Structure formats: structure tokens, C-alpha cells
């Protein structure tokens, strides 16, 4: 469940809220004059959102996502990759 705090609490307890966000990975909504003004999230979550926005900026993002989902779990060893083998030891 998301936590909602006024900006005055953030000013006086910033360290506590940063530690909480890093520990729980749950965002904290910061209010100003009773309205949502900002969100405090852990850095890893922020990086993920930025990367997602970047990926979705490509016109073919849905096609790329579908392809990535279809290939999910199909990996090759580094040695097979270097030998030119793709998935399950088969050559392309």
C-alpha cells in the first residue's frame, strides 16, 4: 500500500523516507497543499521506468516486446554463441 506524506514531513524526515523506500520498494507520495506533488521511489525502480519509456519510444516497440517474450527462456551458452550456435545447440 502506498504511503502518502505531506512535504513538511519529508523535509524533517527525508532520511527515514529514503531508507523506507529503499527497503520496501514501495513509493511514497508527497503532497503539497493537500494535493499529490511528487513521488519518492528507489533508484532501481526509477531506472527501470526510464528504460521502459525509452524502449516504448521506438515505433516498433510492440513488435520488439512480442519477440522478446517469445524468446524468453531460450538462452545459449557463451561457448555456443561464439561458435555461431543459436538455441538448443542448433546452427542457423
Protein backbone atom coordinates (compact mmCIF):
# COMPACT_ATOMS: atom_id res chain seq x y z
CA UNK A 1 0.00 0.00 0.00
CA UNK A 2 1.39 3.37 -0.95
CA UNK A 3 2.26 5.86 1.73
CA UNK A 4 1.16 9.47 1.44
CA UNK A 5 3.03 12.17 3.36
CA UNK A 6 2.98 15.96 3.36
CA UNK A 7 6.07 17.74 2.12
CA UNK A 8 6.70 19.13 5.61
CA UNK A 9 7.20 15.54 6.86
CA UNK A 10 9.59 14.87 4.00
CA UNK A 11 11.60 17.94 4.92
CA UNK A 12 12.01 16.81 8.52
CA UNK A 13 12.28 13.04 7.93
CA UNK A 14 13.88 12.70 4.49
CA UNK A 15 16.45 10.10 5.56
CA UNK A 16 13.73 7.92 7.11
CA UNK A 17 11.60 8.01 3.96
CA UNK A 18 14.54 7.27 1.66
CA UNK A 19 15.52 4.28 3.80
CA UNK A 20 11.91 3.06 3.80
CA UNK A 21 11.61 3.33 0.02
CA UNK A 22 14.90 1.51 -0.50
CA UNK A 23 13.88 -1.25 1.91
CA UNK A 24 10.28 -1.83 0.80
CA UNK A 25 10.45 -0.69 -2.84
CA UNK A 26 7.07 0.94 -2.18
CA UNK A 27 6.71 4.54 -3.42
CA UNK A 28 5.91 7.44 -1.12
CA UNK A 29 3.55 10.07 -2.49
CA UNK A 30 4.48 13.57 -1.40
CA UNK A 31 1.66 16.09 -1.05
CA UNK A 32 1.82 19.84 -1.13
CA UNK A 33 -1.18 21.86 0.00
CA UNK A 34 -3.16 18.62 0.22
CA UNK A 35 -2.53 17.52 -3.37
CA UNK A 36 -0.13 14.96 -4.80
CA UNK A 37 3.01 16.79 -5.95
CA UNK A 38 5.75 14.19 -6.32
CA UNK A 39 6.65 10.54 -5.81
CA UNK A 40 9.68 9.21 -3.98
CA UNK A 41 10.85 5.87 -5.44
CA UNK A 42 14.00 3.82 -5.09
CA UNK A 43 16.65 4.42 -7.74
CA UNK A 44 16.37 0.95 -9.30
CA UNK A 45 12.64 1.45 -9.89
CA UNK A 46 13.33 4.85 -11.41
CA UNK A 47 15.97 3.40 -13.77
CA UNK A 48 13.54 0.69 -14.85
CA UNK A 49 10.84 3.22 -15.64
CA UNK A 50 13.25 5.36 -17.64
CA UNK A 51 14.40 2.30 -19.60
CA UNK A 52 10.78 1.31 -20.25
CA UNK A 53 9.95 4.79 -21.53
CA UNK A 54 12.99 4.67 -23.78
CA UNK A 55 12.02 1.28 -25.22
CA UNK A 56 8.45 2.44 -25.79
CA UNK A 57 9.70 5.48 -27.72
CA UNK A 58 10.58 3.22 -30.66
CA UNK A 59 7.76 2.91 -33.23
CA UNK A 60 8.13 -0.88 -33.31
CA UNK A 61 8.18 -1.37 -29.51
CA UNK A 62 5.19 -3.72 -29.50
CA UNK A 63 6.78 -5.95 -32.13
CA UNK A 64 10.07 -5.97 -30.20
CA UNK A 65 8.27 -6.82 -26.95
CA UNK A 66 6.37 -9.67 -28.59
CA UNK A 67 9.63 -11.06 -30.00
CA UNK A 68 11.39 -10.76 -26.63
CA UNK A 69 8.52 -12.56 -24.87
CA UNK A 70 8.60 -15.34 -27.47
CA UNK A 71 12.34 -15.81 -26.91
CA UNK A 72 12.11 -15.64 -23.12
CA UNK A 73 13.97 -18.52 -21.53
CA UNK A 74 15.69 -19.55 -24.76
CA UNK A 75 19.31 -19.00 -23.97
CA UNK A 76 22.61 -20.27 -25.23
CA UNK A 77 25.93 -20.71 -23.52
CA UNK A 78 28.67 -18.23 -24.28
CA UNK A 79 30.69 -21.00 -25.90
CA UNK A 80 27.82 -21.94 -28.24
CA UNK A 81 27.23 -18.29 -29.07
CA UNK A 82 30.89 -17.86 -30.00
CA UNK A 83 30.65 -20.97 -32.21
CA UNK A 84 27.66 -19.47 -34.02
CA UNK A 85 25.11 -21.82 -32.48
CA UNK A 86 21.70 -20.46 -31.52
CA UNK A 87 19.26 -22.01 -29.05
CA UNK A 88 19.29 -25.69 -28.13
CA UNK A 89 22.62 -26.29 -29.89
CA UNK A 90 21.21 -25.88 -33.42
CA UNK A 91 23.04 -23.89 -36.07
CA UNK A 92 21.19 -21.21 -38.01
